[in-house]
C-alpha atoms as a PDB file:
ATOM      1  CA  MET A   1      45.071 -36.564   4.313  1.00  0.00           C
ATOM      2  CA  ARG A   2      46.516 -35.496   7.339  1.00  0.00           C
ATOM      3  CA  HIS A   3      44.303 -34.044   9.536  1.00  0.00           C
ATOM      4  CA  ALA A   4      45.106 -32.447  13.080  1.00  0.00           C
ATOM      5  CA  PHE A   5      43.238 -31.773  16.622  1.00  0.00           C
ATOM      6  CA  ARG A   6      44.968 -29.071  18.996  1.00  0.00           C
ATOM      7  CA  TYR A   7      43.873 -27.835  22.518  1.00  0.00           C
ATOM      8  CA  ALA A   8      42.616 -24.484  22.991  1.00  0.00           C
ATOM      9  CA  GLY A   9      42.634 -24.379  26.554  1.00  0.00           C
ATOM     10  CA  GLY A  10      39.613 -25.111  29.115  1.00  0.00           C
ATOM     11  CA  PHE A  11      36.053 -25.163  28.405  1.00  0.00           C
ATOM     12  CA  GLU A  12      34.282 -22.820  30.931  1.00  0.00           C
ATOM     13  CA  LYS A  13      36.596 -19.903  30.931  1.00  0.00           C
ATOM     14  CA  ASN A  14      37.631 -19.700  27.027  1.00  0.00           C
ATOM     15  CA  PHE A  15      33.984 -20.799  24.816  1.00  0.00           C
ATOM     16  CA  PRO A  16      32.521 -17.713  25.704  1.00  0.00           C
ATOM     17  CA  LYS A  17      35.017 -15.645  24.122  1.00  0.00           C
ATOM     18  CA  LEU A  18      36.095 -18.168  20.416  1.00  0.00           C
ATOM     19  CA  THR A  19      36.143 -16.977  17.571  1.00  0.00           C
ATOM     20  CA  SER A  20      37.659 -17.743  14.106  1.00  0.00           C
ATOM     21  CA  ALA A  21      40.224 -14.722  15.101  1.00  0.00           C
ATOM     22  CA  THR A  22      41.427 -16.159  18.669  1.00  0.00           C
ATOM     23  CA  THR A  23      44.715 -17.368  18.930  1.00  0.00           C
ATOM     24  CA  SER A  24      45.562 -17.512  22.811  1.00  0.00           C
ATOM     25  CA  PHE A  25      43.155 -19.164  25.384  1.00  0.00           C
ATOM     26  CA  GLU A  26      43.714 -18.908  29.495  1.00  0.00           C
ATOM     27  CA  GLY A  27      45.204 -21.012  31.069  1.00  0.00           C
ATOM     28  CA  SER A  28      44.282 -22.014  34.408  1.00  0.00           C
ATOM     29  CA  ASP A  29      47.154 -20.166  35.508  1.00  0.00           C
ATOM     30  CA  GLY A  30      44.964 -16.917  34.655  1.00  0.00           C
ATOM     31  CA  GLN A  31      48.220 -16.119  31.977  1.00  0.00           C
ATOM     32  CA  GLN A  32      46.857 -16.305  27.964  1.00  0.00           C
ATOM     33  CA  HIS A  33      48.602 -18.470  26.087  1.00  0.00           C
ATOM     34  CA  GLU A  34      48.841 -18.763  22.691  1.00  0.00           C
ATOM     35  CA  TYR A  35      48.173 -21.874  20.409  1.00  0.00           C
ATOM     36  CA  ALA A  36      50.407 -24.275  19.465  1.00  0.00           C
ATOM     37  CA  PRO A  37      51.182 -23.983  15.363  1.00  0.00           C
ATOM     38  CA  TRP A  38      49.066 -26.381  12.941  1.00  0.00           C
ATOM     39  CA  PRO A  39      51.878 -28.357  11.842  1.00  0.00           C
ATOM     40  CA  GLU A  40      53.470 -27.758   8.530  1.00  0.00           C
ATOM     41  CA  ALA A  41      52.217 -31.981   7.591  1.00  0.00           C
ATOM     42  CA  VAL A  42      49.020 -31.406   7.914  1.00  0.00           C
ATOM     43  CA  ASN A  43      47.207 -30.449   4.837  1.00  0.00           C
ATOM     44  CA  GLY A  44      43.492 -31.986   5.779  1.00  0.00           C
ATOM     45  CA  LEU A  45      41.147 -30.787   8.990  1.00  0.00           C
ATOM     46  CA  ARG A  46      42.163 -28.794  11.915  1.00  0.00           C
ATOM     47  CA  ILE A  47      40.018 -28.854  15.220  1.00  0.00           C
ATOM     48  CA  SER A  48      40.519 -27.408  18.044  1.00  0.00           C
ATOM     49  CA  PHE A  49      39.117 -28.774  21.237  1.00  0.00           C
ATOM     50  CA  MET A  50      38.629 -27.850  24.618  1.00  0.00           C
ATOM     51  CA  GLU A  51      38.630 -29.840  27.595  1.00  0.00           C
ATOM     52  CA  LYS A  52      35.664 -29.906  29.783  1.00  0.00           C
ATOM     53  CA  ALA A  53      35.728 -30.584  33.714  1.00  0.00           C
ATOM     54  CA  GLY A  54      36.121 -34.956  34.069  1.00  0.00           C
ATOM     55  CA  LYS A  55      38.612 -34.739  31.826  1.00  0.00           C
ATOM     56  CA  LYS A  56      36.089 -34.343  28.763  1.00  0.00           C
ATOM     57  CA  PHE A  57      37.206 -33.025  25.243  1.00  0.00           C
ATOM     58  CA  VAL A  58      35.472 -31.188  23.182  1.00  0.00           C
ATOM     59  CA  ALA A  59      34.828 -29.872  19.296  1.00  0.00           C
ATOM     60  CA  VAL A  60      34.921 -25.901  18.959  1.00  0.00           C
ATOM     61  CA  ARG A  61      36.142 -25.268  16.188  1.00  0.00           C
ATOM     62  CA  ILE A  62      36.882 -26.732  12.667  1.00  0.00           C
ATOM     63  CA  ALA A  63      38.286 -25.555   9.845  1.00  0.00           C
ATOM     64  CA  ASP A  64      39.884 -26.322   5.794  1.00  0.00           C
ATOM     65  CA  ASP A  65      42.180 -23.687   3.471  1.00  0.00           C
ATOM     66  CA  THR A  66      38.964 -22.154   3.182  1.00  0.00           C
ATOM     67  CA  SER A  67      36.845 -21.845   6.399  1.00  0.00           C
ATOM     68  CA  ASP A  68      37.148 -21.368  10.008  1.00  0.00           C
ATOM     69  CA  VAL A  69      33.683 -22.378  11.817  1.00  0.00           C
ATOM     70  CA  VAL A  70      33.848 -21.425  15.536  1.00  0.00           C
ATOM     71  CA  LEU A  71      30.810 -24.617  16.794  1.00  0.00           C
ATOM     72  CA  HIS A  72      27.654 -23.270  18.902  1.00  0.00           C
ATOM     73  CA  ASN A  73      27.573 -26.084  20.283  1.00  0.00           C
ATOM     74  CA  ASP A  74      30.489 -27.980  21.258  1.00  0.00           C
ATOM     75  CA  MET A  75      30.727 -31.786  20.583  1.00  0.00           C
ATOM     76  CA  VAL A  76      32.556 -34.949  22.864  1.00  0.00           C
ATOM     77  CA  LEU A  77      35.397 -36.150  21.231  1.00  0.00           C
ATOM     78  CA  VAL A  78      34.816 -40.155  21.259  1.00  0.00           C
ATOM     79  CA  PRO A  79      38.616 -41.927  21.291  1.00  0.00           C
ATOM     80  CA  GLY A  80      38.686 -44.766  18.031  1.00  0.00           C
ATOM     81  CA  GLU A  81      35.335 -43.284  16.157  1.00  0.00           C
ATOM     82  CA  HIS A  82      36.343 -39.479  15.824  1.00  0.00           C
ATOM     83  CA  PHE A  83      39.605 -39.434  15.896  1.00  0.00           C
ATOM     84  CA  GLY A  84      40.914 -43.090  15.231  1.00  0.00           C
ATOM     85  CA  PHE A  85      42.155 -45.933  17.681  1.00  0.00           C
ATOM     86  CA  GLY A  86      46.026 -45.636  19.885  1.00  0.00           C
ATOM     87  CA  VAL A  87      45.059 -41.582  19.430  1.00  0.00           C
ATOM     88  CA  HIS A  88      45.289 -39.713  22.245  1.00  0.00           C
ATOM     89  CA  LEU A  89      45.016 -35.693  23.017  1.00  0.00           C
ATOM     90  CA  HIS A  90      47.263 -33.931  24.600  1.00  0.00           C
ATOM     91  CA  GLY A  91      48.592 -29.884  25.155  1.00  0.00           C
ATOM     92  CA  THR A  92      50.466 -29.955  21.342  1.00  0.00           C
ATOM     93  CA  PRO A  93      49.058 -30.608  17.819  1.00  0.00           C
ATOM     94  CA  THR A  94      47.993 -34.169  17.079  1.00  0.00           C
ATOM     95  CA  VAL A  95      48.054 -35.593  13.512  1.00  0.00           C
ATOM     96  CA  VAL A  96      45.543 -37.843  12.633  1.00  0.00           C
ATOM     97  CA  GLU A  97      45.582 -40.309   9.263  1.00  0.00           C
ATOM     98  CA  ASP A  98      41.868 -41.599   9.605  1.00  0.00           C
ATOM     99  CA  ASN A  99      39.878 -40.383   6.946  1.00  0.00           C
ATOM    100  CA  ILE A 100      37.010 -42.492   8.106  1.00  0.00           C
ATOM    101  CA  ALA A 101      37.203 -41.199  11.660  1.00  0.00           C
ATOM    102  CA  ILE A 102      37.268 -37.532  10.282  1.00  0.00           C
ATOM    103  CA  MET A 103      34.403 -37.325   8.247  1.00  0.00           C
ATOM    104  CA  LYS A 104      32.751 -38.924  11.456  1.00  0.00           C
ATOM    105  CA  LEU A 105      33.665 -36.432  13.180  1.00  0.00           C
ATOM    106  CA  LEU A 106      32.396 -33.909  10.661  1.00  0.00           C
ATOM    107  CA  GLU A 107      29.289 -35.647  10.533  1.00  0.00           C
ATOM    108  CA  ASP A 108      28.465 -35.569  14.007  1.00  0.00           C
ATOM    109  CA  VAL A 109      29.579 -31.842  14.368  1.00  0.00           C
ATOM    110  CA  THR A 110      26.625 -30.905  11.475  1.00  0.00           C
ATOM    111  CA  LYS A 111      24.291 -32.919  12.667  1.00  0.00           C
ATOM    112  CA  LYS A 112      24.803 -30.874  16.643  1.00  0.00           C
ATOM    113  CA  ASN A 113      25.698 -27.836  15.120  1.00  0.00           C
ATOM    114  CA  VAL A 114      21.923 -27.345  12.416  1.00  0.00           C
ATOM    115  CA  ALA A 115      22.793 -23.439  12.483  1.00  0.00           C
ATOM    116  CA  HIS A 116      26.133 -23.982  10.785  1.00  0.00           C
ATOM    117  CA  SER A 117      24.716 -26.745   8.597  1.00  0.00           C
ATOM    118  CA  ASP A 118      25.502 -25.328   5.106  1.00  0.00           C
ATOM    119  CA  GLU A 119      29.330 -24.303   5.548  1.00  0.00           C
ATOM    120  CA  LEU A 120      30.172 -27.900   7.640  1.00  0.00           C
ATOM    121  CA  LEU A 121      28.999 -29.326   4.592  1.00  0.00           C
ATOM    122  CA  GLN A 122      31.093 -27.454   2.170  1.00  0.00           C
ATOM    123  CA  ILE A 123      33.992 -28.268   4.368  1.00  0.00           C
ATOM    124  CA  ARG A 124      33.237 -31.658   4.093  1.00  0.00           C
ATOM    125  CA  ALA A 125      32.068 -31.731   0.219  1.00  0.00           C
ATOM    126  CA  ARG A 126      35.807 -30.086   0.113  1.00  0.00           C
ATOM    127  CA  PHE A 127      36.728 -32.921   2.323  1.00  0.00           C
ATOM    128  CA  LYS A 128      35.494 -35.660  -0.065  1.00  0.00           C
ATOM    129  CA  ALA A 129      36.756 -34.196  -2.759  1.00  0.00           C
ATOM    130  CA  ALA A 130      40.349 -34.216  -1.716  1.00  0.00           C
ATOM    131  CA  ASN A 131      40.031 -37.691  -0.345  1.00  0.00           C
ATOM    132  CA  THR A 132      39.031 -39.514  -3.468  1.00  0.00           C
ATOM    133  CA  LYS A 133      41.769 -37.650  -5.533  1.00  0.00           C
ATOM    134  CA  HIS A 134      44.584 -40.011  -4.043  1.00  0.00           C
END
């Protein structure tokens, strides 16, 4: 499966107003910038991330073809552990094919966002079901 990470702006300015309908972010220039489109090849999870001070990238929104969950509690993304080795996040969407790393990310996000656990566990179940078909 192909998953993608997409930049959703700086955390401090954009997280407080993030919803599942948000399609743009306020840049450091004070202007609104549309999110980059998801790559067409993506057939798995779509993870939106923001940047916190100190170059820390945090997951803030998890989506599949059925659900789009804005996390109450952001989660620091750990290279290798959450999006595979040799992958670098940047301003354009990053495609990831490491299902084990994505499953770890989904499990860690769920633990940190108990209020969304039902929705996140449904995303996890769909992910696992789709992953076993291949």
